[in-house]
Protein backbone atom coordinates (compact mmCIF):
# COMPACT_ATOMS: atom_id res chain seq x y z
CA MET A 1 27.33 -48.96 18.62
CA SER A 2 25.55 -52.14 18.21
CA GLU A 3 25.32 -53.98 14.93
CA GLU A 4 22.00 -55.45 15.92
CA PRO A 5 18.97 -54.24 13.97
CA TYR A 6 16.59 -51.85 15.69
CA SER A 7 13.81 -53.52 17.57
CA GLY A 8 10.17 -52.67 16.90
CA GLU A 9 10.12 -50.72 20.16
CA ASP A 10 13.21 -48.73 19.09
CA LYS A 11 11.64 -47.92 15.73
CA HIS A 12 8.40 -46.84 17.41
CA LEU A 13 10.31 -44.58 19.84
CA LEU A 14 12.36 -43.08 16.99
CA ALA A 15 9.21 -42.45 14.94
CA SER A 16 7.61 -40.74 17.97
CA VAL A 17 10.64 -38.49 18.53
CA ALA A 18 10.79 -37.62 14.81
CA SER A 19 7.07 -36.81 14.79
CA GLN A 20 7.41 -34.57 17.84
CA ALA A 21 10.44 -32.81 16.32
CA GLY A 22 8.53 -32.28 13.07
CA MET A 23 5.57 -30.77 14.92
CA ALA A 24 7.87 -28.52 16.92
CA LEU A 25 9.54 -27.29 13.71
CA GLU A 26 6.15 -26.70 12.06
CA ASN A 27 4.93 -24.79 15.13
CA PHE A 28 8.08 -22.67 15.04
CA ARG A 29 7.53 -21.92 11.33
CA LEU A 30 3.89 -20.99 11.99
CA ALA A 31 4.93 -18.74 14.89
CA GLU A 32 7.41 -16.96 12.60
CA ASP A 33 4.68 -16.45 9.98
CA ILE A 34 2.33 -15.01 12.60
CA ALA A 35 5.06 -12.71 13.92
CA GLU A 36 5.80 -11.45 10.37
CA LYS A 37 2.09 -10.80 9.70
CA LEU A 38 1.67 -8.97 13.02
CA GLU A 39 4.70 -6.80 12.24
CA ALA A 40 3.34 -6.02 8.76
CA GLU A 41 -0.04 -5.08 10.27
CA ARG A 42 1.69 -2.89 12.86
CA ARG A 43 3.66 -1.10 10.13
CA ALA A 44 0.54 -0.64 7.99
CA THR A 45 -1.37 0.76 10.96
CA ARG A 46 1.46 3.18 11.71
CA GLU A 47 1.64 4.26 8.05
CA MET A 48 -2.13 4.89 8.05
CA GLU A 49 -1.79 6.98 11.23
CA ILE A 50 0.93 9.05 9.56
CA ALA A 51 -1.17 9.41 6.39
CA LYS A 52 -4.18 10.55 8.43
CA ASP A 53 -2.03 13.08 10.27
CA VAL A 54 -0.63 14.41 6.98
CA GLN A 55 -4.12 14.57 5.49
CA THR A 56 -5.42 16.50 8.48
CA ARG A 57 -2.56 18.97 8.21
CA LEU A 58 -3.24 19.53 4.50
CA LEU A 59 -6.80 20.66 5.17
CA PRO A 60 -7.35 24.30 6.15
CA GLN A 61 -6.97 24.86 9.87
CA THR A 62 -9.10 28.01 9.82
CA ALA A 63 -11.81 29.40 7.57
CA PRO A 64 -11.52 32.87 6.05
CA VAL A 65 -13.39 35.71 7.71
CA LEU A 66 -15.92 37.18 5.31
CA ARG A 67 -18.13 40.24 5.69
CA THR A 68 -21.21 38.72 4.11
CA LEU A 69 -21.01 35.05 4.98
CA GLU A 70 -19.92 32.88 7.85
CA CYS A 71 -18.15 29.76 6.62
CA ALA A 72 -16.49 26.71 8.10
CA GLY A 73 -15.15 23.42 6.85
CA ARG A 74 -14.77 19.95 8.28
CA CYS A 75 -13.81 16.68 6.68
CA LEU A 76 -14.83 13.42 8.36
CA GLN A 77 -13.55 10.33 6.59
CA ALA A 78 -15.45 7.04 6.73
CA ALA A 79 -12.12 5.22 6.74
CA ARG A 80 -8.82 6.21 8.30
CA VAL A 81 -7.71 8.11 5.21
CA GLY A 82 -10.07 9.36 2.54
CA GLY A 83 -9.96 11.09 -0.78
CA ASP A 84 -12.10 14.14 -0.05
CA TYR A 85 -10.38 17.49 0.10
CA TYR A 86 -11.44 21.08 0.50
CA ASP A 87 -9.69 24.41 0.69
CA PHE A 88 -10.40 28.12 0.76
CA LEU A 89 -8.45 30.25 -1.70
CA GLU A 90 -8.27 33.93 -0.84
CA LEU A 91 -8.38 35.92 -4.07
CA ASP A 92 -7.91 39.56 -4.91
CA ARG A 93 -10.51 42.18 -4.02
CA GLY A 94 -11.72 40.28 -0.92
CA LYS A 95 -13.04 37.31 -2.87
CA VAL A 96 -12.71 33.73 -1.64
CA ALA A 97 -12.97 30.56 -3.69
CA LEU A 98 -14.07 27.27 -2.20
CA VAL A 99 -12.30 24.29 -3.71
CA LEU A 100 -13.75 20.80 -3.34
CA ALA A 101 -11.83 17.82 -4.65
CA ASP A 102 -12.03 14.06 -4.61
CA VAL A 103 -8.69 12.33 -5.02
CA SER A 104 -9.89 8.92 -3.85
CA GLY A 105 -8.39 5.94 -5.62
CA LYS A 106 -5.44 8.03 -6.76
CA GLY A 107 -3.25 7.47 -3.71
CA VAL A 108 -1.67 9.77 -1.18
CA HIS A 109 0.50 11.37 -3.89
CA ALA A 110 -2.63 12.93 -5.45
CA ARG A 111 -3.27 14.83 -2.24
CA PHE A 112 0.31 16.10 -2.22
CA TRP A 113 -0.05 17.04 -5.88
CA TRP A 114 -3.03 19.22 -4.96
CA ARG A 115 -1.05 20.92 -2.24
CA ILE A 116 1.73 21.71 -4.73
CA SER A 117 -0.81 22.86 -7.38
CA ARG A 118 -2.73 25.07 -4.96
CA PRO A 119 -0.74 28.26 -5.74
CA ILE A 120 -1.27 27.74 -9.48
CA CYS A 121 -5.01 27.43 -8.93
CA ALA A 122 -5.03 30.53 -6.74
CA VAL A 123 -3.21 32.61 -9.36
CA SER A 124 -5.55 31.52 -12.14
CA ALA A 125 -8.76 31.63 -10.08
CA ASP A 126 -9.78 35.10 -11.28
CA SER A 127 -10.16 33.94 -14.88
CA ARG A 128 -13.24 31.76 -15.46
CA THR A 129 -11.78 30.44 -18.73
CA VAL A 130 -8.56 29.47 -16.99
CA GLN A 131 -10.55 27.87 -14.16
CA ARG A 132 -12.52 25.63 -16.49
CA GLY A 133 -9.41 24.59 -18.42
CA TRP A 134 -7.44 23.96 -15.25
CA SER A 135 -10.25 21.87 -13.79
CA LYS A 136 -10.55 19.74 -16.92
CA ARG A 137 -6.80 19.18 -17.10
CA SER A 138 -6.52 18.30 -13.39
CA ASN A 139 -9.19 15.63 -13.67
CA ARG A 140 -7.27 13.57 -16.22
């Protein structure tokens, strides 16, 4: 090593190398950020695909066969996953109830809650008083 001070040319070269190294490090950091964001978007897209599949499976796959009425149901969401829900509840004495629900803004767990509550609604569907009370309580 030399004890002589750096020349102006040496300092300029060192500054250039340091600047290039700094830019390379910044580019690497930016590339890592982009890779993390792309991975997060990929995961979110996959989760939405799973949620849509679950939602589709929760809707009735067939409509009940009725003597006096032909019925069908279809749910088309504007977005990937929506909050609209319908179901047919087969009651005693050949009766069928149509259930329409909107669980938007309440998350995916609200849809699962409906699926769990469905048997309770079916059991109480023959009593109009119970229906009104159940409906009011479920909308809280």
